[in-house]
Amino acid sequence: MTQQPQLPDPEKVKQTVAKMREVCRQFDSLNFALDELIALIEADIRNSPLTAYRLGKIKSFSQSVESET
């Protein structure tokens, strides 16, 4: 009465698996490249004079608040 689902062609399954593995490899490669880019940007931010200036303002503000209490 109910039909059993047909199994896909084994060759088609192999092709699909190979394509999915390639896509996963490409995503891994992209994630690695993005991680490197993020590290470079974070290093640039840490070495920025503007960041040092802002951190200096924060430190001076926190010191002035502590001296008031």
Protein backbone atom coordinates (compact mmCIF):
# COMPACT_ATOMS: atom_id res chain seq x y z
CA MET A 1 0.00 0.00 0.00
CA THR A 2 2.65 2.53 0.97
CA GLN A 3 5.61 2.85 -1.31
CA GLN A 4 9.07 2.63 0.14
CA PRO A 5 11.21 5.69 -0.63
CA GLN A 6 13.79 5.00 -3.29
CA LEU A 7 17.43 5.20 -2.35
CA PRO A 8 19.38 7.74 -4.38
CA ASP A 9 21.93 6.65 -6.94
CA PRO A 10 25.22 5.85 -5.14
CA GLU A 11 27.20 7.85 -7.69
CA LYS A 12 24.98 10.88 -7.09
CA VAL A 13 25.52 10.49 -3.33
CA LYS A 14 29.31 10.44 -3.86
CA GLN A 15 29.14 13.60 -5.96
CA THR A 16 27.00 15.38 -3.39
CA VAL A 17 29.32 14.38 -0.54
CA ALA A 18 32.36 15.58 -2.51
CA LYS A 19 30.68 18.93 -3.20
CA MET A 20 29.71 19.35 0.47
CA ARG A 21 33.27 18.56 1.59
CA GLU A 22 34.60 21.17 -0.83
CA VAL A 23 32.12 23.75 0.45
CA CYS A 24 33.15 22.97 4.05
CA ARG A 25 36.83 23.33 3.08
CA GLN A 26 36.10 26.70 1.49
CA PHE A 27 34.24 27.88 4.60
CA ASP A 28 37.15 26.76 6.79
CA SER A 29 39.55 28.69 4.59
CA LEU A 30 37.34 31.78 4.71
CA ASN A 31 37.01 31.55 8.50
CA PHE A 32 40.80 31.34 8.83
CA ALA A 33 41.24 34.40 6.61
CA LEU A 34 38.64 36.33 8.64
CA ASP A 35 40.37 35.35 11.90
CA GLU A 36 43.65 36.71 10.55
CA LEU A 37 41.95 39.94 9.45
CA ILE A 38 40.32 40.38 12.85
CA ALA A 39 43.69 39.89 14.56
CA LEU A 40 45.28 42.52 12.32
CA ILE A 41 42.50 45.01 12.96
CA GLU A 42 42.63 44.44 16.71
CA ALA A 43 46.40 44.98 16.69
CA ASP A 44 45.92 48.17 14.69
CA ILE A 45 43.32 49.40 17.18
CA ARG A 46 45.61 48.61 20.13
CA ASN A 47 48.47 50.55 18.50
CA SER A 48 46.32 53.52 17.53
CA PRO A 49 47.16 56.87 19.10
CA LEU A 50 43.43 57.54 19.40
CA THR A 51 42.99 54.42 21.53
CA ALA A 52 45.87 55.50 23.77
CA TYR A 53 44.28 58.94 24.09
CA ARG A 54 40.91 57.49 24.97
CA LEU A 55 42.42 55.09 27.49
CA GLY A 56 44.28 58.02 29.02
CA LYS A 57 41.02 59.94 29.39
CA ILE A 58 39.37 56.95 31.01
CA LYS A 59 42.25 56.52 33.46
CA SER A 60 42.25 60.21 34.36
CA PHE A 61 38.46 60.16 34.80
CA SER A 62 38.58 57.10 37.04
CA GLN A 63 41.38 58.65 39.11
CA SER A 64 39.39 61.87 39.55
CA VAL A 65 36.32 59.87 40.65
CA GLU A 66 38.42 57.91 43.17
CA SER A 67 39.91 61.10 44.59
CA GLU A 68 36.44 62.57 45.13
CA THR A 69 35.35 59.65 47.30
